[in-house]
Amino acid sequence: MPEIPQTAPFPVEVEAGKTYFWCACGKSARQPFCDGSHKGSDHTPVRYTAEATRRVFFCGCKHTGKAPLCDGTHKQIDAG
């Protein structure tokens, strides 16, 4: 299971055409992005290429069904 760095999503202004690598393990010090902390685990970062320049919400709980973006799963985690 991934670590949960925070239960709220990370709002990020992305640039059209730019590629981002979302941390799937929860261990990165550069949340929500990968810093290589997953090495030696079963987790790998998720590649995300922005279709438009806008704000998106990257998952902070690492349990989303729509990786790398938030799908509201953190609301169930908050509730326990």
N, C-alpha and C. Protein backbone atom coordinates (compact mmCIF):
# COMPACT_ATOMS: atom_id res chain seq x y z
N MET A 1 0.85 -1.19 0.00
CA MET A 1 0.00 0.00 0.00
C MET A 1 0.89 1.25 0.00
N PRO A 2 0.47 2.27 -0.72
CA PRO A 2 1.25 3.51 -0.70
C PRO A 2 1.05 4.26 0.62
N GLU A 3 2.03 5.07 0.94
CA GLU A 3 1.90 5.98 2.09
C GLU A 3 0.94 7.09 1.69
N ILE A 4 0.33 7.73 2.68
CA ILE A 4 -0.62 8.82 2.43
C ILE A 4 0.03 10.12 2.91
N PRO A 5 0.62 10.91 1.99
CA PRO A 5 1.26 12.15 2.41
C PRO A 5 0.26 13.21 2.90
N GLN A 6 -0.92 13.23 2.31
CA GLN A 6 -2.01 14.10 2.77
C GLN A 6 -3.31 13.60 2.18
N THR A 7 -4.42 13.87 2.85
CA THR A 7 -5.69 13.37 2.33
C THR A 7 -6.33 14.34 1.36
N ALA A 8 -5.91 15.58 1.33
CA ALA A 8 -6.45 16.55 0.37
C ALA A 8 -5.66 16.47 -0.94
N PRO A 9 -6.29 16.83 -2.06
CA PRO A 9 -5.56 16.85 -3.33
C PRO A 9 -4.56 18.00 -3.38
N PHE A 10 -3.60 17.89 -4.30
CA PHE A 10 -2.60 18.94 -4.53
C PHE A 10 -3.02 19.75 -5.75
N PRO A 11 -3.44 21.02 -5.60
CA PRO A 11 -3.75 21.84 -6.77
C PRO A 11 -2.45 22.30 -7.43
N VAL A 12 -2.33 22.09 -8.73
CA VAL A 12 -1.11 22.43 -9.46
C VAL A 12 -1.49 23.09 -10.78
N GLU A 13 -0.82 24.18 -11.09
CA GLU A 13 -0.98 24.82 -12.40
C GLU A 13 -0.06 24.08 -13.36
N VAL A 14 -0.64 23.39 -14.34
CA VAL A 14 0.15 22.63 -15.31
C VAL A 14 0.21 23.41 -16.63
N GLU A 15 1.24 23.11 -17.43
CA GLU A 15 1.43 23.77 -18.71
C GLU A 15 1.11 22.80 -19.84
N ALA A 16 0.37 23.26 -20.83
CA ALA A 16 0.01 22.43 -21.98
C ALA A 16 1.25 21.80 -22.61
N GLY A 17 1.19 20.49 -22.84
CA GLY A 17 2.28 19.78 -23.48
C GLY A 17 3.39 19.33 -22.55
N LYS A 18 3.42 19.81 -21.33
CA LYS A 18 4.47 19.44 -20.38
C LYS A 18 4.10 18.12 -19.70
N THR A 19 5.11 17.29 -19.46
CA THR A 19 4.91 16.00 -18.82
C THR A 19 5.33 16.07 -17.36
N TYR A 20 4.52 15.46 -16.52
CA TYR A 20 4.75 15.42 -15.07
C TYR A 20 4.74 13.96 -14.64
N PHE A 21 5.48 13.64 -13.60
CA PHE A 21 5.50 12.28 -13.07
C PHE A 21 5.00 12.32 -11.63
N TRP A 22 3.77 11.81 -11.45
CA TRP A 22 3.09 11.81 -10.16
C TRP A 22 3.63 10.68 -9.28
N CYS A 23 3.93 11.00 -8.05
CA CYS A 23 4.39 10.01 -7.07
C CYS A 23 3.24 9.08 -6.72
N ALA A 24 3.44 7.78 -6.93
CA ALA A 24 2.41 6.79 -6.60
C ALA A 24 2.67 6.10 -5.26
N CYS A 25 3.90 6.23 -4.73
CA CYS A 25 4.25 5.52 -3.50
C CYS A 25 3.96 6.33 -2.24
N GLY A 26 3.90 7.66 -2.38
CA GLY A 26 3.64 8.53 -1.24
C GLY A 26 4.89 8.92 -0.46
N LYS A 27 6.06 8.47 -0.88
CA LYS A 27 7.29 8.73 -0.12
C LYS A 27 8.09 9.94 -0.61
N SER A 28 7.74 10.47 -1.76
CA SER A 28 8.50 11.58 -2.34
C SER A 28 8.48 12.82 -1.46
N ALA A 29 9.61 13.50 -1.37
CA ALA A 29 9.68 14.77 -0.65
C ALA A 29 9.21 15.91 -1.54
N ARG A 30 8.94 15.63 -2.81
CA ARG A 30 8.52 16.64 -3.78
C ARG A 30 7.05 16.47 -4.16
N GLN A 31 6.20 16.09 -3.24
CA GLN A 31 4.78 15.83 -3.51
C GLN A 31 4.14 16.97 -4.28
N PRO A 32 3.31 16.66 -5.25
CA PRO A 32 2.79 15.35 -5.59
C PRO A 32 3.64 14.61 -6.62
N PHE A 33 4.86 15.11 -6.87
CA PHE A 33 5.68 14.55 -7.94
C PHE A 33 6.76 13.61 -7.41
N CYS A 34 7.21 12.75 -8.30
CA CYS A 34 8.20 11.72 -7.98
C CYS A 34 9.59 12.32 -7.78
N ASP A 35 10.30 11.81 -6.77
CA ASP A 35 11.71 12.16 -6.57
C ASP A 35 12.59 10.92 -6.56
N GLY A 36 12.02 9.77 -6.94
CA GLY A 36 12.79 8.52 -6.98
C GLY A 36 12.71 7.70 -5.71
N SER A 37 11.95 8.16 -4.71
CA SER A 37 11.87 7.46 -3.43
C SER A 37 11.23 6.08 -3.54
N HIS A 38 10.55 5.79 -4.65
CA HIS A 38 9.88 4.50 -4.83
C HIS A 38 10.86 3.36 -5.12
N LYS A 39 12.10 3.67 -5.45
CA LYS A 39 13.06 2.64 -5.84
C LYS A 39 13.12 1.54 -4.80
N GLY A 40 13.03 0.30 -5.26
CA GLY A 40 13.04 -0.86 -4.38
C GLY A 40 11.66 -1.27 -3.93
N SER A 41 10.62 -0.55 -4.38
CA SER A 41 9.24 -0.90 -4.03
C SER A 41 8.51 -1.38 -5.28
N ASP A 42 7.26 -1.74 -5.12
CA ASP A 42 6.44 -2.17 -6.25
C ASP A 42 5.77 -1.00 -6.96
N HIS A 43 6.00 0.21 -6.48
CA HIS A 43 5.35 1.40 -7.04
C HIS A 43 6.21 2.03 -8.14
N THR A 44 5.54 2.60 -9.13
CA THR A 44 6.21 3.38 -10.17
C THR A 44 5.42 4.67 -10.37
N PRO A 45 6.11 5.74 -10.73
CA PRO A 45 5.40 7.00 -10.94
C PRO A 45 4.46 6.90 -12.15
N VAL A 46 3.45 7.77 -12.14
CA VAL A 46 2.48 7.81 -13.22
C VAL A 46 2.75 9.04 -14.08
N ARG A 47 2.93 8.81 -15.38
CA ARG A 47 3.20 9.89 -16.32
C ARG A 47 1.91 10.62 -16.64
N TYR A 48 1.95 11.95 -16.61
CA TYR A 48 0.80 12.79 -16.93
C TYR A 48 1.26 13.90 -17.85
N THR A 49 0.68 14.00 -19.03
CA THR A 49 0.99 15.08 -19.96
C THR A 49 -0.22 16.00 -20.02
N ALA A 50 0.00 17.25 -19.69
CA ALA A 50 -1.09 18.24 -19.64
C ALA A 50 -1.61 18.53 -21.04
N GLU A 51 -2.93 18.46 -21.17
CA GLU A 51 -3.57 18.76 -22.45
C GLU A 51 -3.77 20.26 -22.62
N ALA A 52 -3.86 20.98 -21.50
CA ALA A 52 -4.08 22.42 -21.54
C ALA A 52 -3.38 23.06 -20.34
N THR A 53 -3.11 24.35 -20.45
CA THR A 53 -2.57 25.09 -19.33
C THR A 53 -3.74 25.44 -18.42
N ARG A 54 -3.73 24.85 -17.23
CA ARG A 54 -4.83 25.05 -16.29
C ARG A 54 -4.46 24.46 -14.94
N ARG A 55 -5.35 24.61 -13.98
CA ARG A 55 -5.16 24.02 -12.66
C ARG A 55 -5.79 22.63 -12.66
N VAL A 56 -5.02 21.65 -12.19
CA VAL A 56 -5.55 20.30 -11.99
C VAL A 56 -5.30 19.91 -10.54
N PHE A 57 -5.96 18.87 -10.10
CA PHE A 57 -5.84 18.42 -8.71
C PHE A 57 -5.26 17.01 -8.69
N PHE A 58 -3.96 16.93 -8.36
CA PHE A 58 -3.30 15.65 -8.25
C PHE A 58 -3.67 15.00 -6.93
N CYS A 59 -3.89 13.70 -6.96
CA CYS A 59 -4.27 12.94 -5.77
C CYS A 59 -3.18 13.04 -4.71
N GLY A 60 -3.59 13.32 -3.47
CA GLY A 60 -2.67 13.38 -2.35
C GLY A 60 -2.70 12.14 -1.48
N CYS A 61 -3.80 11.39 -1.55
CA CYS A 61 -3.94 10.20 -0.69
C CYS A 61 -3.36 8.95 -1.34
N LYS A 62 -3.08 9.02 -2.65
CA LYS A 62 -2.49 7.92 -3.43
C LYS A 62 -3.41 6.73 -3.61
N HIS A 63 -4.71 6.90 -3.39
CA HIS A 63 -5.67 5.81 -3.53
C HIS A 63 -6.72 6.09 -4.61
N THR A 64 -6.54 7.13 -5.41
CA THR A 64 -7.48 7.48 -6.47
C THR A 64 -7.67 6.35 -7.48
N GLY A 65 -8.82 6.28 -8.05
CA GLY A 65 -9.10 5.34 -9.14
C GLY A 65 -8.81 5.95 -10.49
N LYS A 66 -8.44 7.25 -10.50
CA LYS A 66 -8.17 7.97 -11.75
C LYS A 66 -6.76 8.56 -11.74
N ALA A 67 -5.80 7.78 -11.29
CA ALA A 67 -4.42 8.25 -11.17
C ALA A 67 -3.96 8.94 -12.45
N PRO A 68 -3.32 10.08 -12.33
CA PRO A 68 -2.81 10.70 -11.11
C PRO A 68 -3.74 11.74 -10.49
N LEU A 69 -4.92 11.91 -11.06
CA LEU A 69 -5.80 12.99 -10.59
C LEU A 69 -6.74 12.52 -9.49
N CYS A 70 -7.14 13.46 -8.66
CA CYS A 70 -8.04 13.19 -7.54
C CYS A 70 -9.42 12.78 -8.05
N ASP A 71 -10.00 11.76 -7.44
CA ASP A 71 -11.37 11.35 -7.76
C ASP A 71 -12.28 11.40 -6.54
N GLY A 72 -11.78 11.99 -5.45
CA GLY A 72 -12.59 12.12 -4.23
C GLY A 72 -12.43 10.97 -3.25
N THR A 73 -11.59 9.98 -3.56
CA THR A 73 -11.39 8.84 -2.68
C THR A 73 -10.95 9.27 -1.29
N HIS A 74 -10.23 10.39 -1.18
CA HIS A 74 -9.75 10.86 0.13
C HIS A 74 -10.89 11.12 1.10
N LYS A 75 -12.09 11.35 0.58
CA LYS A 75 -13.23 11.59 1.47
C LYS A 75 -13.59 10.34 2.27
N GLN A 76 -13.40 9.15 1.67
CA GLN A 76 -13.62 7.91 2.41
C GLN A 76 -12.50 7.67 3.42
N ILE A 77 -11.29 8.08 3.07
CA ILE A 77 -10.15 7.92 3.99
C ILE A 77 -10.33 8.83 5.18
N ASP A 78 -10.75 10.10 4.93
CA ASP A 78 -11.02 11.05 6.02
C ASP A 78 -12.06 10.50 6.99
N ALA A 79 -13.07 9.85 6.43
CA ALA A 79 -14.18 9.35 7.25
C ALA A 79 -13.77 8.11 8.05
N GLY A 80 -12.64 7.53 7.66
CA GLY A 80 -12.15 6.38 8.40
C GLY A 80 -12.65 5.11 7.84
